[in-house]
Amino acid sequence: MTIKTLAAAVALTIIPAMSFAYECNSSKQKQASMSCAEGSVYDAQTGACVPTTG
């Protein structure tokens, strides 16, 4: 096997794996969206849905 073929095989193996790892890690940095049931709202202080009053 020549050096060029070996280098190409390594690059084609590593680059997609690195891309997948970056995408997997970057999703942790995104803010999660949360929806609450009807009649309740999200309270950022408690981190939970609380019933609406009124």
PDB file of N, CA and C in Angstrom:
ATOM      1  N   MET A   1       0.861  -1.169   0.000  1.00  0.00           N
ATOM      2  CA  MET A   1       0.000   0.000   0.000  1.00  0.00           C
ATOM      3  C   MET A   1       0.908   1.232   0.000  1.00  0.00           C
ATOM      4  N   THR A   2       0.570   2.171  -0.840  1.00  0.00           N
ATOM      5  CA  THR A   2       1.423   3.355  -0.920  1.00  0.00           C
ATOM      6  C   THR A   2       1.064   4.343   0.184  1.00  0.00           C
ATOM      7  N   ILE A   3       1.957   5.265   0.406  1.00  0.00           N
ATOM      8  CA  ILE A   3       1.768   6.280   1.450  1.00  0.00           C
ATOM      9  C   ILE A   3       0.544   7.143   1.131  1.00  0.00           C
ATOM     10  N   LYS A   4       0.346   7.507  -0.127  1.00  0.00           N
ATOM     11  CA  LYS A   4      -0.799   8.350  -0.503  1.00  0.00           C
ATOM     12  C   LYS A   4      -2.120   7.625  -0.242  1.00  0.00           C
ATOM     13  N   THR A   5      -2.170   6.359  -0.557  1.00  0.00           N
ATOM     14  CA  THR A   5      -3.390   5.584  -0.330  1.00  0.00           C
ATOM     15  C   THR A   5      -3.674   5.449   1.160  1.00  0.00           C
ATOM     16  N   LEU A   6      -2.634   5.203   1.913  1.00  0.00           N
ATOM     17  CA  LEU A   6      -2.791   5.089   3.362  1.00  0.00           C
ATOM     18  C   LEU A   6      -3.244   6.418   3.970  1.00  0.00           C
ATOM     19  N   ALA A   7      -2.659   7.517   3.535  1.00  0.00           N
ATOM     20  CA  ALA A   7      -3.042   8.836   4.041  1.00  0.00           C
ATOM     21  C   ALA A   7      -4.489   9.151   3.686  1.00  0.00           C
ATOM     22  N   ALA A   8      -4.903   8.816   2.476  1.00  0.00           N
ATOM     23  CA  ALA A   8      -6.285   9.060   2.068  1.00  0.00           C
ATOM     24  C   ALA A   8      -7.256   8.211   2.877  1.00  0.00           C
ATOM     25  N   ALA A   9      -6.909   6.972   3.138  1.00  0.00           N
ATOM     26  CA  ALA A   9      -7.770   6.096   3.927  1.00  0.00           C
ATOM     27  C   ALA A   9      -7.918   6.611   5.354  1.00  0.00           C
ATOM     28  N   VAL A  10      -6.825   7.074   5.932  1.00  0.00           N
ATOM     29  CA  VAL A  10      -6.873   7.611   7.294  1.00  0.00           C
ATOM     30  C   VAL A  10      -7.723   8.878   7.331  1.00  0.00           C
ATOM     31  N   ALA A  11      -7.535   9.761   6.364  1.00  0.00           N
ATOM     32  CA  ALA A  11      -8.295  11.013   6.323  1.00  0.00           C
ATOM     33  C   ALA A  11      -9.785  10.741   6.145  1.00  0.00           C
ATOM     34  N   LEU A  12     -10.133   9.818   5.281  1.00  0.00           N
ATOM     35  CA  LEU A  12     -11.543   9.507   5.032  1.00  0.00           C
ATOM     36  C   LEU A  12     -12.193   8.807   6.220  1.00  0.00           C
ATOM     37  N   THR A  13     -11.384   8.240   7.093  1.00  0.00           N
ATOM     38  CA  THR A  13     -11.912   7.595   8.291  1.00  0.00           C
ATOM     39  C   THR A  13     -12.039   8.578   9.446  1.00  0.00           C
ATOM     40  N   ILE A  14     -11.052   9.432   9.618  1.00  0.00           N
ATOM     41  CA  ILE A  14     -11.012  10.322  10.775  1.00  0.00           C
ATOM     42  C   ILE A  14     -11.925  11.532  10.613  1.00  0.00           C
ATOM     43  N   ILE A  15     -11.982  12.139   9.453  1.00  0.00           N
ATOM     44  CA  ILE A  15     -12.743  13.376   9.277  1.00  0.00           C
ATOM     45  C   ILE A  15     -14.230  13.198   9.596  1.00  0.00           C
ATOM     46  N   PRO A  16     -14.922  12.181   9.100  1.00  0.00           N
ATOM     47  CA  PRO A  16     -16.336  12.033   9.484  1.00  0.00           C
ATOM     48  C   PRO A  16     -16.519  11.767  10.981  1.00  0.00           C
ATOM     49  N   ALA A  17     -15.604  11.034  11.573  1.00  0.00           N
ATOM     50  CA  ALA A  17     -15.707  10.756  13.008  1.00  0.00           C
ATOM     51  C   ALA A  17     -15.537  12.041  13.810  1.00  0.00           C
ATOM     52  N   MET A  18     -14.613  12.890  13.421  1.00  0.00           N
ATOM     53  CA  MET A  18     -14.408  14.158  14.108  1.00  0.00           C
ATOM     54  C   MET A  18     -15.614  15.071  13.927  1.00  0.00           C
ATOM     55  N   SER A  19     -16.187  15.070  12.749  1.00  0.00           N
ATOM     56  CA  SER A  19     -17.364  15.887  12.481  1.00  0.00           C
ATOM     57  C   SER A  19     -18.538  15.439  13.342  1.00  0.00           C
ATOM     58  N   PHE A  20     -18.720  14.140  13.459  1.00  0.00           N
ATOM     59  CA  PHE A  20     -19.797  13.599  14.293  1.00  0.00           C
ATOM     60  C   PHE A  20     -19.577  13.957  15.757  1.00  0.00           C
ATOM     61  N   ALA A  21     -18.349  13.856  16.223  1.00  0.00           N
ATOM     62  CA  ALA A  21     -18.042  14.170  17.616  1.00  0.00           C
ATOM     63  C   ALA A  21     -18.283  15.645  17.904  1.00  0.00           C
ATOM     64  N   TYR A  22     -17.937  16.517  16.953  1.00  0.00           N
ATOM     65  CA  TYR A  22     -18.168  17.954  17.143  1.00  0.00           C
ATOM     66  C   TYR A  22     -19.658  18.243  17.217  1.00  0.00           C
ATOM     67  N   GLU A  23     -20.431  17.663  16.335  1.00  0.00           N
ATOM     68  CA  GLU A  23     -21.879  17.897  16.323  1.00  0.00           C
ATOM     69  C   GLU A  23     -22.522  17.365  17.597  1.00  0.00           C
ATOM     70  N   CYS A  24     -22.062  16.257  18.061  1.00  0.00           N
ATOM     71  CA  CYS A  24     -22.603  15.678  19.288  1.00  0.00           C
ATOM     72  C   CYS A  24     -22.305  16.582  20.473  1.00  0.00           C
ATOM     73  N   ASN A  25     -21.115  17.141  20.534  1.00  0.00           N
ATOM     74  CA  ASN A  25     -20.734  18.015  21.637  1.00  0.00           C
ATOM     75  C   ASN A  25     -21.397  19.382  21.520  1.00  0.00           C
ATOM     76  N   SER A  26     -21.563  19.905  20.315  1.00  0.00           N
ATOM     77  CA  SER A  26     -22.119  21.241  20.158  1.00  0.00           C
ATOM     78  C   SER A  26     -23.598  21.279  20.498  1.00  0.00           C
ATOM     79  N   SER A  27     -24.276  20.133  20.458  1.00  0.00           N
ATOM     80  CA  SER A  27     -25.696  20.135  20.809  1.00  0.00           C
ATOM     81  C   SER A  27     -25.896  20.409  22.287  1.00  0.00           C
ATOM     82  N   LYS A  28     -24.882  20.165  23.101  1.00  0.00           N
ATOM     83  CA  LYS A  28     -24.981  20.455  24.534  1.00  0.00           C
ATOM     84  C   LYS A  28     -24.989  21.953  24.785  1.00  0.00           C
ATOM     85  N   GLN A  29     -24.435  22.714  23.853  1.00  0.00           N
ATOM     86  CA  GLN A  29     -24.346  24.150  24.024  1.00  0.00           C
ATOM     87  C   GLN A  29     -25.642  24.846  23.617  1.00  0.00           C
ATOM     88  N   LYS A  30     -26.489  24.188  22.879  1.00  0.00           N
ATOM     89  CA  LYS A  30     -27.744  24.776  22.447  1.00  0.00           C
ATOM     90  C   LYS A  30     -28.729  24.789  23.607  1.00  0.00           C
ATOM     91  N   GLN A  31     -29.560  25.799  23.621  1.00  0.00           N
ATOM     92  CA  GLN A  31     -30.542  25.893  24.694  1.00  0.00           C
ATOM     93  C   GLN A  31     -31.685  24.929  24.410  1.00  0.00           C
ATOM     94  N   ALA A  32     -32.069  24.193  25.404  1.00  0.00           N
ATOM     95  CA  ALA A  32     -33.170  23.250  25.256  1.00  0.00           C
ATOM     96  C   ALA A  32     -34.488  24.014  25.265  1.00  0.00           C
ATOM     97  N   SER A  33     -35.406  23.574  24.474  1.00  0.00           N
ATOM     98  CA  SER A  33     -36.716  24.200  24.480  1.00  0.00           C
ATOM     99  C   SER A  33     -37.654  23.329  25.303  1.00  0.00           C
ATOM    100  N   MET A  34     -38.543  23.979  26.006  1.00  0.00           N
ATOM    101  CA  MET A  34     -39.448  23.242  26.872  1.00  0.00           C
ATOM    102  C   MET A  34     -40.845  23.780  26.652  1.00  0.00           C
ATOM    103  N   SER A  35     -41.803  22.897  26.604  1.00  0.00           N
ATOM    104  CA  SER A  35     -43.186  23.325  26.511  1.00  0.00           C
ATOM    105  C   SER A  35     -43.929  22.777  27.716  1.00  0.00           C
ATOM    106  N   CYS A  36     -44.816  23.584  28.214  1.00  0.00           N
ATOM    107  CA  CYS A  36     -45.583  23.201  29.393  1.00  0.00           C
ATOM    108  C   CYS A  36     -47.015  22.873  28.968  1.00  0.00           C
ATOM    109  N   ALA A  37     -47.679  22.150  29.820  1.00  0.00           N
ATOM    110  CA  ALA A  37     -49.072  21.790  29.562  1.00  0.00           C
ATOM    111  C   ALA A  37     -49.934  23.047  29.588  1.00  0.00           C
ATOM    112  N   GLU A  38     -51.083  22.942  28.987  1.00  0.00           N
ATOM    113  CA  GLU A  38     -52.009  24.075  28.960  1.00  0.00           C
ATOM    114  C   GLU A  38     -52.382  24.441  30.396  1.00  0.00           C
ATOM    115  N   GLY A  39     -52.361  25.743  30.679  1.00  0.00           N
ATOM    116  CA  GLY A  39     -52.676  26.207  32.017  1.00  0.00           C
ATOM    117  C   GLY A  39     -51.461  26.343  32.913  1.00  0.00           C
ATOM    118  N   SER A  40     -50.267  26.156  32.349  1.00  0.00           N
ATOM    119  CA  SER A  40     -49.052  26.347  33.127  1.00  0.00           C
ATOM    120  C   SER A  40     -48.008  27.026  32.250  1.00  0.00           C
ATOM    121  N   VAL A  41     -47.045  27.657  32.909  1.00  0.00           N
ATOM    122  CA  VAL A  41     -45.970  28.359  32.216  1.00  0.00           C
ATOM    123  C   VAL A  41     -44.636  27.913  32.804  1.00  0.00           C
ATOM    124  N   TYR A  42     -43.578  28.119  32.024  1.00  0.00           N
ATOM    125  CA  TYR A  42     -42.240  27.733  32.469  1.00  0.00           C
ATOM    126  C   TYR A  42     -41.680  28.808  33.395  1.00  0.00           C
ATOM    127  N   ASP A  43     -41.196  28.409  34.553  1.00  0.00           N
ATOM    128  CA  ASP A  43     -40.571  29.310  35.513  1.00  0.00           C
ATOM    129  C   ASP A  43     -39.068  29.076  35.461  1.00  0.00           C
ATOM    130  N   ALA A  44     -38.321  30.087  35.000  1.00  0.00           N
ATOM    131  CA  ALA A  44     -36.876  29.946  34.832  1.00  0.00           C
ATOM    132  C   ALA A  44     -36.160  29.797  36.172  1.00  0.00           C
ATOM    133  N   GLN A  45     -36.692  30.374  37.230  1.00  0.00           N
ATOM    134  CA  GLN A  45     -36.028  30.289  38.529  1.00  0.00           C
ATOM    135  C   GLN A  45     -36.061  28.863  39.083  1.00  0.00           C
ATOM    136  N   THR A  46     -37.195  28.201  38.958  1.00  0.00           N
ATOM    137  CA  THR A  46     -37.299  26.849  39.480  1.00  0.00           C
ATOM    138  C   THR A  46     -36.938  25.793  38.434  1.00  0.00           C
ATOM    139  N   GLY A  47     -36.995  26.185  37.160  1.00  0.00           N
ATOM    140  CA  GLY A  47     -36.693  25.233  36.088  1.00  0.00           C
ATOM    141  C   GLY A  47     -37.810  24.237  35.857  1.00  0.00           C
ATOM    142  N   ALA A  48     -39.039  24.634  36.184  1.00  0.00           N
ATOM    143  CA  ALA A  48     -40.172  23.722  36.039  1.00  0.00           C
ATOM    144  C   ALA A  48     -41.394  24.486  35.583  1.00  0.00           C
ATOM    145  N   CYS A  49     -42.408  23.747  35.177  1.00  0.00           N
ATOM    146  CA  CYS A  49     -43.679  24.350  34.807  1.00  0.00           C
ATOM    147  C   CYS A  49     -44.484  24.610  36.065  1.00  0.00           C
ATOM    148  N   VAL A  50     -45.078  25.789  36.140  1.00  0.00           N
ATOM    149  CA  VAL A  50     -45.912  26.132  37.293  1.00  0.00           C
ATOM    150  C   VAL A  50     -47.285  26.531  36.784  1.00  0.00           C
ATOM    151  N   PRO A  51     -48.326  26.233  37.544  1.00  0.00           N
ATOM    152  CA  PRO A  51     -49.678  26.596  37.106  1.00  0.00           C
ATOM    153  C   PRO A  51     -49.858  28.106  37.087  1.00  0.00           C
ATOM    154  N   THR A  52     -50.601  28.568  36.100  1.00  0.00           N
ATOM    155  CA  THR A  52     -50.891  29.999  36.010  1.00  0.00           C
ATOM    156  C   THR A  52     -52.005  30.345  36.973  1.00  0.00           C
ATOM    157  N   THR A  53     -51.970  31.535  37.467  1.00  0.00           N
ATOM    158  CA  THR A  53     -53.006  31.999  38.388  1.00  0.00           C
ATOM    159  C   THR A  53     -53.852  33.031  37.679  1.00  0.00           C
ATOM    160  N   GLY A  54     -55.098  33.093  38.038  1.00  0.00           N
ATOM    161  CA  GLY A  54     -55.966  34.131  37.486  1.00  0.00           C
ATOM    162  C   GLY A  54     -56.926  33.565  36.563  1.00  0.00           C
TER     163      GLY A  54
END
